[in-house]
Amino acid sequence: MSITQQHLLDAYRAQQLGTPAPPAPGAHDRQVVREWRDRREFRAVLAGRPARGRVRHALGRWLLPGRRATS
C-alpha cells in the first residue's frame, strides 16, 4: 500500500468516526527541515564552531588549496 492510499484510508476512517482528518503526507516537511537546520546551527554555536558557511568554507579549502580564508 502506498503512502497516498494509506492517507486516503485514514481520512475515510476519520470521516466515518467523526474525528479530524490526518495531515496530508509531506505537509510538514519544510517545518521539519527548518527545525533540523536550526538545531544543527545551535549545536555548532555551543561547540564553538561557526554556525553558517561551514560546508562552503571546507569545500573552498579543498578545491582551492592555495587560497587562504580570511574568517
Protein backbone atom coordinates (compact mmCIF):
# COMPACT_ATOMS: atom_id res chain seq x y z
CA MET A 1 0.00 0.00 0.00
CA SER A 2 1.41 3.36 -0.97
CA ILE A 3 1.52 6.36 1.34
CA THR A 4 -1.23 8.05 -0.67
CA GLN A 5 -3.52 5.05 -0.37
CA GLN A 6 -2.84 4.86 3.37
CA HIS A 7 -3.65 8.55 3.76
CA LEU A 8 -6.93 8.16 1.85
CA LEU A 9 -7.87 5.19 4.01
CA ASP A 10 -7.04 7.10 7.21
CA ALA A 11 -9.03 10.12 6.00
CA TYR A 12 -12.01 7.90 5.20
CA ARG A 13 -11.85 6.25 8.63
CA ALA A 14 -11.58 9.63 10.33
CA GLN A 15 -14.62 10.87 8.42
CA GLN A 16 -16.62 7.77 9.41
CA LEU A 17 -15.67 8.19 13.07
CA GLY A 18 -16.20 11.96 13.09
CA THR A 19 -12.62 12.76 14.03
CA PRO A 20 -10.33 15.27 12.30
CA ALA A 21 -8.54 14.01 9.21
CA PRO A 22 -4.78 13.42 9.45
CA PRO A 23 -2.46 15.86 7.68
CA ALA A 24 -1.51 15.06 4.11
CA PRO A 25 1.83 13.33 3.54
CA GLY A 26 4.60 15.89 3.26
CA ALA A 27 2.53 18.69 4.81
CA HIS A 28 5.15 19.45 7.46
CA ASP A 29 8.36 18.69 5.55
CA ARG A 30 9.53 22.31 5.40
CA GLN A 31 9.00 22.80 9.11
CA VAL A 32 10.95 19.63 9.92
CA VAL A 33 13.89 20.67 7.73
CA ARG A 34 13.89 24.18 9.21
CA GLU A 35 13.90 22.80 12.79
CA TRP A 36 16.69 20.36 11.92
CA ARG A 37 18.79 23.17 10.44
CA ASP A 38 18.19 25.44 13.45
CA ARG A 39 19.17 22.67 15.86
CA ARG A 40 22.33 21.92 13.87
CA GLU A 41 23.33 25.60 13.91
CA PHE A 42 22.60 25.86 17.64
CA ARG A 43 24.76 22.83 18.40
CA ALA A 44 27.57 24.27 16.26
CA VAL A 45 27.49 27.50 18.25
CA LEU A 46 27.60 25.58 21.54
CA ALA A 47 30.60 23.63 20.27
CA GLY A 48 32.39 26.87 19.32
CA ARG A 49 32.19 26.34 15.55
CA PRO A 50 30.79 28.80 13.00
CA ALA A 51 27.07 28.26 12.56
CA ARG A 52 26.87 29.06 8.85
CA GLY A 53 29.02 28.54 5.80
CA ARG A 54 30.95 25.57 7.15
CA VAL A 55 30.46 23.36 4.10
CA ARG A 56 31.27 26.12 1.64
CA HIS A 57 34.36 27.04 3.65
CA ALA A 58 35.55 23.42 3.76
CA LEU A 59 34.94 22.93 0.03
CA GLY A 60 36.80 26.14 -0.72
CA ARG A 61 39.81 24.89 1.25
CA TRP A 62 39.67 21.54 -0.52
CA LEU A 63 39.09 22.81 -4.06
CA LEU A 64 41.41 25.84 -3.84
CA PRO A 65 44.25 24.82 -1.52
CA GLY A 66 46.43 27.85 -2.26
CA ARG A 67 43.72 30.30 -1.30
CA ARG A 68 43.59 31.45 2.33
CA ALA A 69 40.32 32.09 4.15
CA THR A 70 40.08 35.43 5.96
CA SER A 71 37.46 34.41 8.52
